[in-house]
Amino acid sequence: MVTIYTKTGCPYCAAAMEDYRRRGIEYREVNLSLEPDRIPEIGQLTGRRLVPVIVEDKGRVTAGWEGGG
């Protein structure tokens, strides 16, 4: 399953989740606004504090969102 780290009010996070929904790809959202204790996880994954962070099944990590294809 894909995990998408988000924060409340982030338009890029919303766009990423909408793209995954549209493509029928299941994901689990981790909203860092609601779970701030998990913020260090994105630092460990990307070295930055940027959302969305998308972690795919095979371990591929994408930071940020430029749109889907």
N, C-alpha and C. Protein backbone atom coordinates (compact mmCIF):
# COMPACT_ATOMS: atom_id res chain seq x y z
N MET A 1 0.84 -1.18 0.00
CA MET A 1 0.00 0.00 0.00
C MET A 1 0.88 1.24 0.00
N VAL A 2 0.41 2.29 -0.63
CA VAL A 2 1.10 3.57 -0.70
C VAL A 2 0.75 4.38 0.55
N THR A 3 1.73 5.10 1.08
CA THR A 3 1.51 6.02 2.19
C THR A 3 1.77 7.42 1.68
N ILE A 4 0.85 8.35 1.95
CA ILE A 4 1.02 9.74 1.57
C ILE A 4 1.00 10.58 2.84
N TYR A 5 2.14 11.22 3.12
CA TYR A 5 2.24 12.14 4.25
C TYR A 5 1.74 13.50 3.77
N THR A 6 0.80 14.09 4.53
CA THR A 6 0.17 15.34 4.14
C THR A 6 0.13 16.30 5.32
N LYS A 7 -0.38 17.50 5.07
CA LYS A 7 -0.75 18.40 6.15
C LYS A 7 -2.04 19.08 5.75
N THR A 8 -2.82 19.48 6.71
CA THR A 8 -4.10 20.12 6.47
C THR A 8 -3.92 21.39 5.65
N GLY A 9 -4.74 21.55 4.61
CA GLY A 9 -4.73 22.76 3.80
C GLY A 9 -3.71 22.77 2.68
N CYS A 10 -2.97 21.71 2.49
CA CYS A 10 -1.94 21.65 1.45
C CYS A 10 -2.58 21.28 0.11
N PRO A 11 -2.58 22.21 -0.87
CA PRO A 11 -3.20 21.89 -2.15
C PRO A 11 -2.46 20.81 -2.93
N TYR A 12 -1.14 20.71 -2.75
CA TYR A 12 -0.37 19.68 -3.45
C TYR A 12 -0.69 18.30 -2.88
N CYS A 13 -0.91 18.25 -1.58
CA CYS A 13 -1.30 17.00 -0.93
C CYS A 13 -2.66 16.55 -1.46
N ALA A 14 -3.60 17.49 -1.52
CA ALA A 14 -4.94 17.18 -2.01
C ALA A 14 -4.89 16.70 -3.46
N ALA A 15 -4.05 17.34 -4.28
CA ALA A 15 -3.93 16.95 -5.69
C ALA A 15 -3.33 15.55 -5.81
N ALA A 16 -2.34 15.25 -4.99
CA ALA A 16 -1.73 13.92 -5.03
C ALA A 16 -2.75 12.85 -4.65
N MET A 17 -3.49 13.09 -3.56
CA MET A 17 -4.49 12.10 -3.14
C MET A 17 -5.59 11.94 -4.18
N GLU A 18 -6.02 13.03 -4.79
CA GLU A 18 -7.05 12.96 -5.84
C GLU A 18 -6.54 12.16 -7.04
N ASP A 19 -5.29 12.34 -7.41
CA ASP A 19 -4.71 11.58 -8.52
C ASP A 19 -4.71 10.09 -8.20
N TYR A 20 -4.30 9.73 -7.00
CA TYR A 20 -4.28 8.31 -6.62
C TYR A 20 -5.70 7.75 -6.60
N ARG A 21 -6.66 8.53 -6.07
CA ARG A 21 -8.06 8.08 -6.07
C ARG A 21 -8.55 7.84 -7.49
N ARG A 22 -8.28 8.82 -8.36
CA ARG A 22 -8.74 8.73 -9.76
C ARG A 22 -8.17 7.50 -10.46
N ARG A 23 -6.92 7.17 -10.13
CA ARG A 23 -6.27 6.01 -10.76
C ARG A 23 -6.59 4.70 -10.05
N GLY A 24 -7.38 4.78 -8.98
CA GLY A 24 -7.78 3.55 -8.28
C GLY A 24 -6.67 2.92 -7.47
N ILE A 25 -5.71 3.72 -7.05
CA ILE A 25 -4.59 3.21 -6.25
C ILE A 25 -4.90 3.47 -4.78
N GLU A 26 -4.90 2.40 -4.01
CA GLU A 26 -5.16 2.53 -2.57
C GLU A 26 -3.99 3.20 -1.89
N TYR A 27 -4.28 4.06 -0.94
CA TYR A 27 -3.24 4.72 -0.17
C TYR A 27 -3.73 4.94 1.25
N ARG A 28 -2.76 5.17 2.10
CA ARG A 28 -3.05 5.50 3.49
C ARG A 28 -2.50 6.90 3.72
N GLU A 29 -3.33 7.80 4.23
CA GLU A 29 -2.90 9.17 4.50
C GLU A 29 -2.39 9.28 5.93
N VAL A 30 -1.24 9.94 6.08
CA VAL A 30 -0.72 10.30 7.39
C VAL A 30 -0.73 11.83 7.42
N ASN A 31 -1.72 12.41 8.10
CA ASN A 31 -1.85 13.86 8.18
C ASN A 31 -0.99 14.36 9.34
N LEU A 32 0.11 15.02 8.99
CA LEU A 32 1.06 15.47 10.00
C LEU A 32 0.51 16.60 10.86
N SER A 33 -0.53 17.28 10.40
CA SER A 33 -1.20 18.29 11.22
C SER A 33 -1.90 17.63 12.40
N LEU A 34 -2.38 16.42 12.19
CA LEU A 34 -3.09 15.67 13.23
C LEU A 34 -2.17 14.74 14.00
N GLU A 35 -1.03 14.39 13.40
CA GLU A 35 -0.07 13.48 14.02
C GLU A 35 1.33 14.09 13.97
N PRO A 36 1.54 15.23 14.65
CA PRO A 36 2.83 15.92 14.56
C PRO A 36 4.03 15.10 15.07
N ASP A 37 3.77 14.11 15.90
CA ASP A 37 4.85 13.25 16.38
C ASP A 37 5.47 12.43 15.26
N ARG A 38 4.81 12.39 14.09
CA ARG A 38 5.33 11.60 12.96
C ARG A 38 6.13 12.46 11.98
N ILE A 39 6.25 13.77 12.25
CA ILE A 39 7.01 14.65 11.36
C ILE A 39 8.45 14.17 11.16
N PRO A 40 9.14 13.67 12.19
CA PRO A 40 10.50 13.19 11.96
C PRO A 40 10.60 12.09 10.90
N GLU A 41 9.53 11.36 10.66
CA GLU A 41 9.55 10.31 9.64
C GLU A 41 9.86 10.88 8.26
N ILE A 42 9.27 12.04 7.92
CA ILE A 42 9.54 12.59 6.59
C ILE A 42 10.97 13.10 6.48
N GLY A 43 11.52 13.57 7.60
CA GLY A 43 12.92 13.97 7.61
C GLY A 43 13.83 12.79 7.35
N GLN A 44 13.50 11.66 7.93
CA GLN A 44 14.30 10.44 7.72
C GLN A 44 14.16 9.94 6.28
N LEU A 45 12.99 10.11 5.71
CA LEU A 45 12.76 9.63 4.34
C LEU A 45 13.37 10.54 3.28
N THR A 46 13.34 11.86 3.51
CA THR A 46 13.73 12.80 2.45
C THR A 46 14.86 13.75 2.83
N GLY A 47 15.14 13.88 4.11
CA GLY A 47 16.13 14.85 4.53
C GLY A 47 15.58 16.27 4.58
N ARG A 48 14.27 16.42 4.35
CA ARG A 48 13.62 17.74 4.32
C ARG A 48 12.28 17.66 5.02
N ARG A 49 11.71 18.84 5.26
CA ARG A 49 10.35 18.91 5.82
C ARG A 49 9.45 19.49 4.74
N LEU A 50 8.99 18.64 3.87
CA LEU A 50 8.21 19.02 2.71
C LEU A 50 7.11 17.99 2.53
N VAL A 51 5.90 18.44 2.24
CA VAL A 51 4.80 17.51 1.94
C VAL A 51 4.23 17.88 0.58
N PRO A 52 3.60 16.97 -0.09
CA PRO A 52 3.42 15.58 0.31
C PRO A 52 4.69 14.76 0.14
N VAL A 53 4.79 13.72 0.92
CA VAL A 53 5.81 12.68 0.76
C VAL A 53 5.04 11.40 0.47
N ILE A 54 5.38 10.78 -0.64
CA ILE A 54 4.68 9.57 -1.07
C ILE A 54 5.65 8.40 -1.01
N VAL A 55 5.28 7.38 -0.26
CA VAL A 55 6.10 6.18 -0.13
C VAL A 55 5.33 5.04 -0.77
N GLU A 56 5.88 4.51 -1.85
CA GLU A 56 5.22 3.43 -2.57
C GLU A 56 5.64 2.07 -2.03
N ASP A 57 4.88 1.05 -2.41
CA ASP A 57 5.09 -0.31 -1.92
C ASP A 57 6.54 -0.76 -2.01
N LYS A 58 7.17 -0.45 -3.10
CA LYS A 58 8.51 -0.97 -3.36
C LYS A 58 9.59 -0.11 -2.73
N GLY A 59 9.18 0.83 -1.85
CA GLY A 59 10.14 1.65 -1.14
C GLY A 59 10.52 2.94 -1.86
N ARG A 60 9.95 3.20 -3.01
CA ARG A 60 10.24 4.44 -3.73
C ARG A 60 9.63 5.60 -2.97
N VAL A 61 10.43 6.67 -2.73
CA VAL A 61 9.97 7.84 -1.99
C VAL A 61 9.98 9.04 -2.92
N THR A 62 8.86 9.75 -2.97
CA THR A 62 8.75 10.97 -3.76
C THR A 62 8.38 12.11 -2.82
N ALA A 63 9.16 13.19 -2.88
CA ALA A 63 8.87 14.37 -2.05
C ALA A 63 8.34 15.47 -2.95
N GLY A 64 7.19 16.04 -2.58
CA GLY A 64 6.58 17.08 -3.38
C GLY A 64 5.62 16.48 -4.41
N TRP A 65 4.93 17.36 -5.11
CA TRP A 65 3.95 16.91 -6.10
C TRP A 65 3.91 17.89 -7.24
N GLU A 66 4.10 17.37 -8.45
CA GLU A 66 4.05 18.21 -9.64
C GLU A 66 2.92 17.80 -10.55
N GLY A 67 2.10 16.87 -10.09
CA GLY A 67 1.00 16.40 -10.91
C GLY A 67 1.28 14.98 -11.37
N GLY A 68 0.24 14.30 -11.71
CA GLY A 68 0.37 12.90 -12.13
C GLY A 68 0.21 12.77 -13.61
N GLY A 69 0.50 11.62 -14.08
CA GLY A 69 0.41 11.44 -15.50
C GLY A 69 -0.34 10.24 -15.81
